[in-house]
Every structure is written in structure tokens, then in C-alpha cells.
Amino acid sequence: MTALRNFIDGAHHDAGSGRTAEIIDPSTGRAYASAPVSDADDVDRALRAASRAFGAWRDSTPGERQLALLRIADAIDARAGEFVEVESRNTGKPLALVASDELPPSSDHFRFFAGAARLLEGSSAGEYLAGHTSFVRREPIGVCGQVTPWNYPLMMAVWKIAPALAAGNTVVLKPSDTTPASTLLLAEIAAEFLPAGVFNVVCGDRDTGRALVDHPLPDMVSITGSVRAGMEVAGSAARDVKRVHLELGGKAPVVVFADADLAAAAAGIAYGGFYNAGQDCTAATRVLVHESVHADFAAALAEQAAGQRTGRPDEDDIAFGPVNSAGQLARVAGFLDRLPDHARILTGGHRQGDTGYFHEATVVDGLRQEDEVSQTEIFGPVITIQTFRDEAEAVALANGVDYGLSSSVWTKDHGTAMRMSRSLDFGVVWINTHIPFVSEMPHGGFKHSGYGKDLSKYSLEDYTRIKHVMTNLDA
């Protein structure tokens, strides 16, 4: 058993209480490590370390912060094999996919924000009042409390800490209680290039997260997680008027028009829906297809799904690994057990094997807008299919959920794509693709999917505050 430890003020620490929890390998269902279950005192220690470190880190130059982030990026690349091993064991993800799809973006995000740190934008100075010159300062906010999810432990940590550090903030991050391993490795590596206390990691459960959010020290709280968790964080932060950054759930509509390349759409949607076992807020899980091509498309998607293999991380030709936990496996099964009579499972629908938390790629047809699986985030390898008659109905069905994170449109018609990109009430609209991200473009949603942006210059701006400075020229 590996004993994981908190990383506070540049050093490893056990929880003050001595409490630990088992960390489970989802591909076996067996514990392989333990991690601290931190309480309010541990959180306080980390936040005070971040507060002490803030003054010097805030006053560092953008060039100095850039150099530190570039060195962290280089260290991630240099130790990529170690990160792949740790991330795969903690999440059950295929080794090859972690190596190809998650490690390169993680170091790239650090490099992007390293450069962005030296290019903060604002209004030009000017004499907007006679005899006075005004200009804008963009400053770091302070200590940032951050909470990350279990579906992309390393990448979600990078999405949060890179812009926060680039802007001059210090961080206390609580990873998910089931997937802390890669975040702790990142903290150890980052400590070689950051002053002590700038980046701290505190492991624990929901009570640990509550202690972080409720503490008076954080000036900003950022969470990627469920809508329930986001509402709780926003409510707690409101009592102390903290800044809040929320990236919550999603129920992405995937709108397939009659003129689309159905084979390409089925392949792309299967990839975007089953990647990471569907455990992605942006997953292509809710297909809306024109009724005239419904039968052909449903058959093509079912065929694609049947070819999506799940298995252990070291197996060849694996499309996705297990779901996160026994609880998540039961959640997915529960949705399928409660399907209405008019729904029809075209392929999949069952747990795979009796070891680990594997579930077959599943396609469910014949669904209606009011059905539970049409409205609620499943967070598993399940894609649902509905039909629409015309563009107006497609928009109404697509927007008719509480979420507003991501969406995609599949069509050969440019006008249709442009109209849909305007009408869809989601933070990202992909056209004839689904799920790619780049460092330069923002990610974040509307409605119950939260507010604030990850990635891009907009994320960096979220971790800054704006100050107006005016000088009297005649003084």
C-alpha cells in the first residue's frame, strides 16, 4: 500500500488526526494506496501557508512566473511515464490514452499560461476627465481555494492552478477523495520551481472541501464538480462575498441533421460519447437526429458502440476503462434499470465482468424529452437518441435542459451550422466534431453548468481583479 500525504508549505504532512482513507484502483476494485482525510485544522495550515507566500509571489514579475511555469511544463514532459502510470492506476484509464491525450495537453496548458502571464490586457491610459490621467491595473486576487473532480484528476488540476499561479495567486487545492495521486505528484514536482506555500494540496472528503470553502482566508473559490456541489459552494462563498468560479455538469445535445455524413457523425459521436467511459461533462451523450435519417443513424451508432471495447489499462485496443467507483457503476445501472417502456437498448446495457467497475458501451433509442435519461447527467458510457422534425424543434429540444456547457452540430450546410451556433444556449458549439479542446480557446458554460472560464486568456482574467488608478496632472 502506498501512503499518500498532503503537500503543504513545500513539505509532506499527514492529516493532524491521523485519519486516512483507502484509494481504489477502479480496474480491480482493490485498494492500492491510502490518503489523508484532512480536517479543518489541516485546511487552516495550508491556507495560512498560502497566505504567507502570497506577498512575495504577487510581487514576482510576470517573467519570473513564466519561467517557473515553463520549468513545471518541462518537468511534466520529463516524467511523463511516471505521470501516466500514476494517473492510469488511480483512474483505470488506458495507459496509451493517458500518454497520448492527457499528458501533452497538461504541459501545453502550463506553457500557454506561462506566456499569457506576460500579456495581460486592459484599457489604454487616457485623460477621460480634464486634468486627470486614468489607467487600469490588473492584479492577482489572493489565496485561491480550488476543488477538482475525479474524471480528469491531473488535467483539471492543471486547468485551475496554471492560470491562478500565472496571475500571481497562491493555491490550496483539494483533489477528489478517490483520485488524489497525480495531483500530489504534480505538487511535489512543482515545488522544485515554486516558493514554499505557493501551491498546496490537501486531501480529504466532502467535509474537507467544506472547510476549505467556509474558511475566511480564501479570496476566491473554484470548483469543477456536480451542480449540487457548485450550489453549496456558491451559497457558502456568498456569506463571505468570495469570488466564485464554477464548472459544473453538462448534458450535451448532439444535433444530427439529415444532410450530415451519417457514418462520420456516428464515429465522431461514439468517440465523444464513450471517451473516458462517458465520464465527461462535455460528453456527446444526448443525440437529437432528424426523423428522416433516424433509423440509418441509430444503426450506424449502435454498430460503432458495439466496437468500443473496455478493459484494463494495459490491454491493447481499449477505447475506455472502468467507471470511477462501485457507486458510479451502480448509478449508471440505476438509470438503465429505470428506463421507460418506450425506450429500447440497441447495444450494451450491462456491467462487464465481475472484477473492477467496467460497463459496456450502451446506446438507448426511442427516448422523449421528459425522460430522466434525457434530462439528467448519467456520467457513464451511455448515449441516448431522440428525434426532431425541423430546425426549430431541434433548438427547442437541445436547449430544453438545465445545463449549458457544450453541444455539437452535424451538417454539411454552412447556414444551418451558423444559425445553430447562435441559437444553442451552450458555452461551446462544435461543428462536425465533438470534444476537442485547445489552450487558446475558453471552456465554460451557462445555466446550471456554472460560470467562469477555464483555458484561454479569459481564464487568466478570472483569476485577476481590476483596479482603476487616477492621477491629478495639476497636483
Protein backbone atom coordinates (compact mmCIF):
# COMPACT_ATOMS: atom_id res chain seq x y z
CA MET A 1 0.00 0.00 0.00
CA THR A 2 1.30 3.43 -0.99
CA ALA A 3 0.84 6.06 1.72
CA LEU A 4 -0.07 9.38 0.10
CA ARG A 5 0.38 12.57 2.15
CA ASN A 6 -0.78 16.16 1.98
CA PHE A 7 1.64 18.67 0.48
CA ILE A 8 1.68 21.90 2.49
CA ASP A 9 4.24 24.70 2.57
CA GLY A 10 6.70 22.72 0.47
CA ALA A 11 6.63 19.52 2.56
CA HIS A 12 4.62 16.34 3.06
CA HIS A 13 2.24 16.11 6.01
CA ASP A 14 -0.15 13.53 7.39
CA ALA A 15 -3.59 14.66 8.48
CA GLY A 16 -3.40 16.00 12.01
CA SER A 17 -5.99 13.50 13.14
CA GLY A 18 -4.13 10.62 11.56
CA ARG A 19 -7.24 9.60 9.62
CA THR A 20 -6.79 8.00 6.21
CA ALA A 21 -8.99 6.52 3.50
CA GLU A 22 -8.31 3.76 1.01
CA ILE A 23 -7.69 4.65 -2.64
CA ILE A 24 -9.19 2.08 -5.00
CA ASP A 25 -7.91 1.00 -8.40
CA PRO A 26 -11.17 1.01 -10.46
CA SER A 27 -9.86 -1.65 -12.81
CA THR A 28 -9.52 -4.17 -9.96
CA GLY A 29 -11.82 -2.84 -7.26
CA ARG A 30 -9.00 -3.26 -4.75
CA ALA A 31 -7.21 -0.70 -2.59
CA TYR A 32 -3.66 0.15 -3.58
CA ALA A 33 -2.98 3.30 -1.54
CA SER A 34 -4.17 5.39 1.37
CA ALA A 35 -4.62 9.15 1.56
CA PRO A 36 -5.18 11.59 4.42
CA VAL A 37 -8.68 12.61 5.42
CA SER A 38 -7.90 16.20 6.35
CA ASP A 39 -9.97 18.26 8.76
CA ALA A 40 -10.41 21.99 9.33
CA ASP A 41 -7.04 22.28 11.12
CA ASP A 42 -5.19 20.79 8.15
CA VAL A 43 -7.03 23.13 5.78
CA ASP A 44 -6.19 26.07 8.03
CA ARG A 45 -2.50 25.12 7.99
CA ALA A 46 -2.48 25.01 4.18
CA LEU A 47 -4.35 28.28 3.76
CA ARG A 48 -2.08 30.09 6.17
CA ALA A 49 0.94 28.81 4.25
CA ALA A 50 -0.61 30.11 1.02
CA SER A 51 -1.37 33.44 2.68
CA ARG A 52 2.23 33.83 3.88
CA ALA A 53 3.54 33.02 0.42
CA PHE A 54 1.18 35.36 -1.42
CA GLY A 55 3.03 38.64 -0.87
CA ALA A 56 6.28 37.55 -2.47
CA TRP A 57 4.59 35.58 -5.28
CA ARG A 58 2.26 38.52 -6.06
CA ASP A 59 5.29 40.82 -6.32
CA SER A 60 7.23 38.49 -8.62
CA THR A 61 7.44 39.69 -12.18
CA PRO A 62 5.39 38.05 -14.95
CA GLY A 63 8.67 36.89 -16.45
CA GLU A 64 9.64 35.13 -13.21
CA ARG A 65 6.27 33.42 -13.01
CA GLN A 66 6.55 32.46 -16.67
CA LEU A 67 9.91 30.80 -16.08
CA ALA A 68 8.54 28.78 -13.15
CA LEU A 69 5.56 27.54 -15.17
CA LEU A 70 7.74 26.65 -18.15
CA ARG A 71 10.00 24.61 -15.88
CA ILE A 72 6.97 22.79 -14.46
CA ALA A 73 5.84 22.01 -18.03
CA ASP A 74 9.28 20.64 -18.88
CA ALA A 75 9.26 18.52 -15.71
CA ILE A 76 5.87 17.03 -16.62
CA ASP A 77 7.25 16.02 -20.00
CA ALA A 78 10.44 14.64 -18.47
CA ARG A 79 8.46 12.49 -16.03
CA ALA A 80 5.59 11.68 -18.38
CA GLY A 81 5.93 7.94 -17.88
CA GLU A 82 5.56 8.33 -14.13
CA PHE A 83 2.50 10.55 -14.53
CA VAL A 84 0.91 8.08 -16.94
CA GLU A 85 1.44 5.21 -14.53
CA VAL A 86 0.06 7.12 -11.54
CA GLU A 87 -2.93 8.56 -13.39
CA SER A 88 -3.84 5.27 -15.02
CA ARG A 89 -3.71 3.29 -11.81
CA ASN A 90 -5.75 5.86 -9.91
CA THR A 91 -8.45 6.17 -12.61
CA GLY A 92 -8.29 2.88 -14.54
CA LYS A 93 -7.78 4.75 -17.83
CA PRO A 94 -5.94 3.05 -20.68
CA LEU A 95 -2.22 3.77 -20.42
CA ALA A 96 -1.93 4.60 -24.10
CA LEU A 97 -4.74 7.16 -24.00
CA VAL A 98 -3.38 8.91 -20.92
CA ALA A 99 0.01 9.13 -22.62
CA SER A 100 -1.36 10.47 -25.92
CA ASP A 101 -4.40 12.51 -24.87
CA GLU A 102 -3.78 13.87 -21.37
CA LEU A 103 -0.07 14.36 -20.72
CA PRO A 104 0.71 16.55 -23.77
CA PRO A 105 -2.20 18.95 -23.09
CA SER A 106 -1.24 19.19 -19.41
CA SER A 107 2.23 20.53 -20.16
CA ASP A 108 0.87 22.63 -23.03
CA HIS A 109 -1.58 24.38 -20.72
CA PHE A 110 1.28 25.36 -18.42
CA ARG A 111 3.21 26.73 -21.39
CA PHE A 112 0.21 28.69 -22.63
CA PHE A 113 -0.40 30.35 -19.26
CA ALA A 114 3.32 30.98 -18.86
CA GLY A 115 3.14 33.14 -21.97
CA ALA A 116 -0.23 34.66 -21.10
CA ALA A 117 1.17 35.84 -17.76
CA ARG A 118 3.23 38.40 -19.70
CA LEU A 119 0.38 39.66 -21.86
CA LEU A 120 -2.42 40.82 -19.56
CA GLU A 121 -4.76 43.21 -21.38
CA GLY A 122 -6.67 46.29 -20.25
CA SER A 123 -7.94 49.70 -21.31
CA SER A 124 -5.38 52.19 -22.55
CA ALA A 125 -4.42 55.05 -20.24
CA GLY A 126 -6.05 58.36 -21.11
CA GLU A 127 -7.45 61.67 -19.96
CA TYR A 128 -11.12 60.81 -19.58
CA LEU A 129 -11.52 63.72 -17.15
CA ALA A 130 -9.78 67.00 -17.91
CA GLY A 131 -6.54 67.35 -15.98
CA HIS A 132 -6.51 63.71 -14.88
CA THR A 133 -4.99 60.53 -16.32
CA SER A 134 -6.63 57.18 -15.67
CA PHE A 135 -5.29 53.68 -16.17
CA VAL A 136 -6.26 50.17 -15.13
CA ARG A 137 -4.22 47.75 -13.05
CA ARG A 138 -4.99 44.03 -13.30
CA GLU A 139 -3.89 42.35 -10.07
CA PRO A 140 -3.97 38.84 -8.56
CA ILE A 141 -6.93 38.13 -6.31
CA GLY A 142 -5.07 36.45 -3.44
CA VAL A 143 -5.36 32.97 -2.00
CA CYS A 144 -7.44 30.63 -4.17
CA GLY A 145 -9.20 27.56 -2.78
CA GLN A 146 -9.73 25.01 -5.54
CA VAL A 147 -11.62 21.69 -5.72
CA THR A 148 -11.10 19.25 -8.60
CA PRO A 149 -13.10 16.22 -9.79
CA TRP A 150 -12.22 12.57 -10.30
CA ASN A 151 -12.78 12.24 -14.05
CA TYR A 152 -9.61 14.10 -15.16
CA PRO A 153 -7.60 14.50 -11.95
CA LEU A 154 -4.38 15.78 -13.49
CA MET A 155 -5.79 17.92 -16.30
CA MET A 156 -8.43 19.55 -14.12
CA ALA A 157 -5.77 20.42 -11.56
CA VAL A 158 -3.67 21.99 -14.32
CA TRP A 159 -6.68 23.91 -15.67
CA LYS A 160 -7.06 25.52 -12.24
CA ILE A 161 -3.58 26.04 -10.89
CA ALA A 162 -1.85 27.21 -14.10
CA PRO A 163 -3.93 30.39 -14.62
CA ALA A 164 -4.09 31.07 -10.89
CA LEU A 165 -0.32 30.90 -10.49
CA ALA A 166 0.32 32.78 -13.74
CA ALA A 167 -1.79 35.67 -12.44
CA GLY A 168 0.19 35.81 -9.18
CA ASN A 169 -2.17 33.99 -6.82
CA THR A 170 -1.35 31.21 -4.38
CA VAL A 171 -3.35 27.99 -4.23
CA VAL A 172 -4.74 25.40 -1.86
CA LEU A 173 -6.24 22.59 -3.91
CA LYS A 174 -8.37 19.68 -2.69
CA PRO A 175 -8.45 16.81 -5.21
CA SER A 176 -11.30 14.31 -5.32
CA ASP A 177 -11.21 11.85 -2.46
CA THR A 178 -10.97 8.95 -4.94
CA THR A 179 -8.23 10.32 -7.25
CA PRO A 180 -5.60 12.38 -5.40
CA ALA A 181 -2.45 10.61 -6.59
CA SER A 182 -1.45 12.56 -9.72
CA THR A 183 -2.23 15.92 -8.11
CA LEU A 184 0.16 15.13 -5.26
CA LEU A 185 2.83 14.11 -7.76
CA LEU A 186 2.31 17.42 -9.57
CA ALA A 187 2.69 19.34 -6.30
CA GLU A 188 5.95 17.55 -5.50
CA ILE A 189 7.36 18.37 -8.92
CA ALA A 190 6.13 21.98 -8.88
CA ALA A 191 7.78 22.53 -5.50
CA GLU A 192 11.17 22.36 -7.25
CA PHE A 193 10.33 25.60 -9.06
CA LEU A 194 7.86 27.44 -6.80
CA PRO A 195 8.44 29.06 -3.40
CA ALA A 196 7.09 27.07 -0.46
CA GLY A 197 3.39 27.70 0.14
CA VAL A 198 2.55 28.87 -3.36
CA PHE A 199 0.89 25.56 -4.31
CA ASN A 200 -0.54 23.30 -1.60
CA VAL A 201 -2.60 20.10 -1.82
CA VAL A 202 -4.92 18.91 0.94
CA CYS A 203 -6.61 15.51 0.56
CA GLY A 204 -9.93 14.56 2.09
CA ASP A 205 -13.65 14.13 1.74
CA ARG A 206 -16.62 16.47 1.35
CA ASP A 207 -16.11 17.86 4.84
CA THR A 208 -12.55 18.80 3.86
CA GLY A 209 -13.90 20.66 0.85
CA ARG A 210 -16.47 22.44 3.01
CA ALA A 211 -13.75 23.51 5.42
CA LEU A 212 -11.78 24.96 2.51
CA VAL A 213 -14.74 26.90 1.13
CA ASP A 214 -16.03 28.08 4.52
CA HIS A 215 -12.64 29.29 5.78
CA PRO A 216 -12.31 33.10 5.82
CA LEU A 217 -8.88 33.16 4.15
CA PRO A 218 -9.57 32.21 0.51
CA ASP A 219 -10.31 35.25 -1.63
CA MET A 220 -11.65 33.05 -4.41
CA VAL A 221 -13.08 29.55 -4.62
CA SER A 222 -13.05 27.48 -7.80
CA ILE A 223 -14.69 24.09 -8.21
CA THR A 224 -15.23 21.60 -11.00
CA GLY A 225 -17.91 19.17 -9.90
CA SER A 226 -21.60 18.44 -9.64
CA VAL A 227 -24.37 21.02 -9.72
CA ARG A 228 -25.20 20.15 -6.11
CA ALA A 229 -21.62 20.81 -5.04
CA GLY A 230 -21.50 24.04 -7.03
CA MET A 231 -24.66 25.37 -5.44
CA GLU A 232 -23.31 24.55 -1.99
CA VAL A 233 -20.01 26.28 -2.74
CA ALA A 234 -21.75 29.36 -4.17
CA GLY A 235 -24.01 29.60 -1.13
CA SER A 236 -21.12 29.33 1.30
CA ALA A 237 -18.98 31.81 -0.63
CA ALA A 238 -21.84 34.30 -0.78
CA ARG A 239 -21.89 34.56 3.00
CA ASP A 240 -18.33 35.89 2.88
CA VAL A 241 -18.58 37.61 -0.54
CA LYS A 242 -15.84 35.42 -2.02
CA ARG A 243 -15.21 35.30 -5.75
CA VAL A 244 -16.50 32.03 -7.23
CA HIS A 245 -15.60 30.09 -10.37
CA LEU A 246 -17.88 27.13 -11.18
CA GLU A 247 -17.59 24.44 -13.87
CA LEU A 248 -20.41 22.02 -13.19
CA GLY A 249 -22.42 19.37 -15.00
CA GLY A 250 -23.50 19.04 -18.60
CA LYS A 251 -25.99 17.29 -20.86
CA ALA A 252 -24.59 17.97 -24.29
CA PRO A 253 -27.03 17.92 -27.22
CA VAL A 254 -25.60 16.40 -30.38
CA VAL A 255 -27.78 17.59 -33.28
CA VAL A 256 -27.55 15.45 -36.42
CA PHE A 257 -29.26 16.93 -39.49
CA ALA A 258 -30.47 14.87 -42.46
CA ASP A 259 -27.67 16.12 -44.72
CA ALA A 260 -24.89 15.08 -42.35
CA ASP A 261 -22.34 12.43 -43.22
CA LEU A 262 -24.00 9.80 -41.05
CA ALA A 263 -21.06 7.42 -40.94
CA ALA A 264 -18.67 10.18 -39.89
CA ALA A 265 -21.20 11.51 -37.38
CA ALA A 266 -21.71 8.09 -35.82
CA ALA A 267 -17.97 7.55 -35.49
CA GLY A 268 -17.35 11.02 -34.06
CA ILE A 269 -20.25 10.84 -31.63
CA ALA A 270 -19.26 7.38 -30.41
CA TYR A 271 -15.77 8.70 -29.72
CA GLY A 272 -17.08 11.83 -27.99
CA GLY A 273 -19.70 9.93 -26.01
CA PHE A 274 -17.70 6.95 -24.79
CA TYR A 275 -14.30 8.57 -24.27
CA ASN A 276 -13.28 8.18 -20.62
CA ALA A 277 -16.30 5.88 -20.17
CA GLY A 278 -18.60 8.86 -20.74
CA GLN A 279 -17.32 10.47 -17.54
CA ASP A 280 -17.05 13.94 -19.01
CA CYS A 281 -19.30 16.96 -18.53
CA THR A 282 -18.96 17.65 -22.25
CA ALA A 283 -19.58 14.06 -23.41
CA ALA A 284 -21.69 13.54 -26.55
CA THR A 285 -24.38 11.66 -24.69
CA ARG A 286 -27.71 13.14 -25.95
CA VAL A 287 -28.24 12.69 -29.68
CA LEU A 288 -31.02 14.57 -31.49
CA VAL A 289 -31.34 13.22 -35.02
CA HIS A 290 -33.66 14.27 -37.85
CA GLU A 291 -36.53 11.80 -38.09
CA SER A 292 -35.91 11.12 -41.80
CA VAL A 293 -32.48 9.57 -41.12
CA HIS A 294 -33.15 8.24 -37.62
CA ALA A 295 -33.15 4.54 -38.49
CA ASP A 296 -29.95 4.68 -40.52
CA PHE A 297 -28.12 6.79 -37.96
CA ALA A 298 -29.26 4.70 -34.97
CA ALA A 299 -28.00 1.56 -36.68
CA ALA A 300 -24.65 3.21 -37.50
CA LEU A 301 -24.21 4.48 -33.93
CA ALA A 302 -25.10 1.09 -32.44
CA GLU A 303 -22.51 -0.52 -34.71
CA GLN A 304 -19.89 1.97 -33.60
CA ALA A 305 -20.76 1.41 -29.93
CA ALA A 306 -20.52 -2.35 -30.30
CA GLY A 307 -16.93 -1.87 -31.44
CA GLN A 308 -15.95 0.24 -28.42
CA ARG A 309 -14.04 -2.14 -26.12
CA THR A 310 -13.48 -1.54 -22.43
CA GLY A 311 -10.82 -3.25 -20.41
CA ARG A 312 -7.82 -2.98 -18.10
CA PRO A 313 -5.36 -0.13 -18.63
CA ASP A 314 -2.62 -2.27 -20.13
CA GLU A 315 -4.80 -4.09 -22.68
CA ASP A 316 -4.45 -3.28 -26.36
CA ASP A 317 -7.11 -1.53 -28.48
CA ILE A 318 -9.13 -0.34 -25.49
CA ALA A 319 -11.46 2.62 -26.11
CA PHE A 320 -12.12 3.34 -22.43
CA GLY A 321 -11.57 1.95 -18.97
CA PRO A 322 -13.82 1.42 -15.95
CA VAL A 323 -16.06 3.98 -14.31
CA ASN A 324 -14.68 5.63 -11.19
CA SER A 325 -16.17 3.58 -8.38
CA ALA A 326 -18.67 0.97 -7.29
CA GLY A 327 -21.07 3.80 -6.55
CA GLN A 328 -20.71 5.24 -10.04
CA LEU A 329 -21.24 1.80 -11.58
CA ALA A 330 -24.44 1.41 -9.56
CA ARG A 331 -25.55 4.90 -10.66
CA VAL A 332 -25.20 4.02 -14.34
CA ALA A 333 -27.03 0.72 -13.83
CA GLY A 334 -29.80 2.54 -12.00
CA PHE A 335 -30.52 4.83 -14.93
CA LEU A 336 -30.81 1.83 -17.25
CA ASP A 337 -32.98 -0.10 -14.79
CA ARG A 338 -35.41 2.83 -14.67
CA LEU A 339 -35.75 3.30 -18.44
CA PRO A 340 -39.35 3.91 -19.56
CA ASP A 341 -41.19 1.26 -21.55
CA HIS A 342 -40.88 3.23 -24.80
CA ALA A 343 -37.06 3.18 -24.62
CA ARG A 344 -35.06 0.47 -26.36
CA ILE A 345 -31.45 -0.53 -25.70
CA LEU A 346 -29.79 -1.06 -29.10
CA THR A 347 -26.49 -2.35 -27.74
CA GLY A 348 -24.76 -2.80 -24.39
CA GLY A 349 -26.64 -2.13 -21.19
CA HIS A 350 -24.72 -4.31 -18.74
CA ARG A 351 -21.79 -4.42 -16.41
CA GLN A 352 -18.81 -6.20 -17.95
CA GLY A 353 -17.06 -8.85 -15.86
CA ASP A 354 -17.13 -9.24 -12.10
CA THR A 355 -13.80 -7.55 -11.29
CA GLY A 356 -13.43 -3.80 -11.42
CA TYR A 357 -16.08 -1.29 -12.45
CA PHE A 358 -16.46 -1.90 -16.18
CA HIS A 359 -19.64 -1.14 -18.11
CA GLU A 360 -20.44 -1.82 -21.75
CA ALA A 361 -20.82 0.99 -24.27
CA THR A 362 -24.58 1.48 -24.44
CA VAL A 363 -26.97 3.14 -26.90
CA VAL A 364 -30.60 3.76 -25.92
CA ASP A 365 -33.15 4.73 -28.59
CA GLY A 366 -36.76 5.93 -28.54
CA LEU A 367 -36.41 8.49 -25.77
CA ARG A 368 -38.54 11.56 -25.12
CA GLN A 369 -37.59 14.98 -23.83
CA GLU A 370 -39.11 14.49 -20.38
CA ASP A 371 -37.39 11.15 -19.70
CA GLU A 372 -34.92 11.02 -16.82
CA VAL A 373 -32.01 9.98 -19.03
CA SER A 374 -32.76 12.86 -21.42
CA GLN A 375 -32.58 15.42 -18.64
CA THR A 376 -30.08 14.11 -16.08
CA GLU A 377 -26.34 13.69 -16.43
CA ILE A 378 -25.52 9.97 -16.35
CA PHE A 379 -21.71 10.28 -16.35
CA GLY A 380 -21.23 6.82 -17.81
CA PRO A 381 -20.85 5.11 -21.21
CA VAL A 382 -24.46 5.67 -22.28
CA ILE A 383 -25.67 7.60 -25.35
CA THR A 384 -29.37 8.35 -25.82
CA ILE A 385 -31.25 9.08 -29.08
CA GLN A 386 -34.25 11.34 -29.71
CA THR A 387 -35.69 12.61 -32.99
CA PHE A 388 -36.72 16.05 -34.28
CA ARG A 389 -38.83 17.24 -37.23
CA ASP A 390 -37.24 20.59 -38.13
CA GLU A 391 -34.58 23.06 -37.05
CA ALA A 392 -36.87 24.94 -34.66
CA GLU A 393 -37.72 21.75 -32.79
CA ALA A 394 -34.05 20.74 -32.72
CA VAL A 395 -33.18 24.03 -30.99
CA ALA A 396 -36.04 23.68 -28.51
CA LEU A 397 -35.08 20.12 -27.59
CA ALA A 398 -31.38 20.94 -27.39
CA ASN A 399 -31.91 23.92 -25.09
CA GLY A 400 -34.62 22.20 -23.05
CA VAL A 401 -32.36 21.07 -20.19
CA ASP A 402 -30.94 22.77 -17.09
CA TYR A 403 -27.38 22.59 -18.39
CA GLY A 404 -25.50 24.80 -20.83
CA LEU A 405 -21.94 23.53 -21.11
CA SER A 406 -21.35 22.03 -24.55
CA SER A 407 -23.09 20.98 -27.77
CA SER A 408 -22.37 19.94 -31.33
CA VAL A 409 -24.00 20.24 -34.75
CA TRP A 410 -23.53 17.76 -37.59
CA THR A 411 -24.42 19.11 -41.04
CA LYS A 412 -22.90 19.90 -44.43
CA ASP A 413 -24.83 23.17 -44.69
CA HIS A 414 -22.89 26.24 -43.57
CA GLY A 415 -26.02 28.32 -42.97
CA THR A 416 -27.53 25.64 -40.76
CA ALA A 417 -24.32 25.41 -38.76
CA MET A 418 -24.11 29.17 -38.26
CA ARG A 419 -27.76 29.51 -37.21
CA MET A 420 -27.43 26.65 -34.76
CA SER A 421 -24.20 28.03 -33.30
CA ARG A 422 -26.09 31.22 -32.48
CA SER A 423 -29.24 29.52 -31.15
CA LEU A 424 -27.70 26.82 -28.98
CA ASP A 425 -27.51 28.01 -25.35
CA PHE A 426 -24.21 26.35 -24.54
CA GLY A 427 -20.70 27.59 -23.79
CA VAL A 428 -19.17 25.68 -26.69
CA VAL A 429 -20.65 24.61 -30.02
CA TRP A 430 -18.66 22.12 -32.07
CA ILE A 431 -19.47 21.69 -35.77
CA ASN A 432 -18.93 18.23 -37.26
CA THR A 433 -16.77 17.26 -34.29
CA HIS A 434 -17.21 16.83 -30.56
CA ILE A 435 -14.88 17.09 -27.54
CA PRO A 436 -11.54 18.64 -28.70
CA PHE A 437 -10.11 21.49 -26.62
CA VAL A 438 -7.20 23.86 -27.16
CA SER A 439 -5.38 26.05 -24.65
CA GLU A 440 -6.18 29.23 -26.55
CA MET A 441 -9.99 28.90 -26.50
CA PRO A 442 -12.29 29.24 -23.45
CA HIS A 443 -14.27 26.45 -21.83
CA GLY A 444 -17.20 27.11 -19.54
CA GLY A 445 -20.97 27.02 -19.52
CA PHE A 446 -24.24 28.71 -18.75
CA LYS A 447 -27.28 27.95 -16.58
CA HIS A 448 -26.68 25.08 -14.12
CA SER A 449 -23.35 24.35 -15.78
CA GLY A 450 -21.90 27.30 -13.86
CA TYR A 451 -19.95 30.42 -14.76
CA GLY A 452 -16.37 31.45 -15.33
CA LYS A 453 -13.98 30.12 -17.97
CA ASP A 454 -11.22 27.55 -17.98
CA LEU A 455 -8.38 27.75 -20.52
CA SER A 456 -7.60 30.82 -22.68
CA LYS A 457 -6.92 34.40 -21.65
CA TYR A 458 -10.44 34.55 -20.17
CA SER A 459 -9.44 32.03 -17.52
CA LEU A 460 -6.39 34.10 -16.63
CA GLU A 461 -8.61 37.17 -16.31
CA ASP A 462 -10.96 35.26 -13.99
CA TYR A 463 -8.06 34.95 -11.55
CA THR A 464 -7.41 38.70 -11.51
CA ARG A 465 -9.10 41.79 -10.10
CA ILE A 466 -9.30 45.19 -11.79
CA LYS A 467 -8.26 48.44 -10.15
CA HIS A 468 -8.78 51.95 -11.55
CA VAL A 469 -5.94 54.41 -10.85
CA MET A 470 -6.46 58.16 -11.49
CA THR A 471 -3.84 60.87 -11.07
CA ASN A 472 -4.36 64.63 -10.94
CA LEU A 473 -1.99 66.12 -13.52
CA ASP A 474 -2.14 69.56 -11.90
CA ALA A 475 -1.22 68.42 -8.37
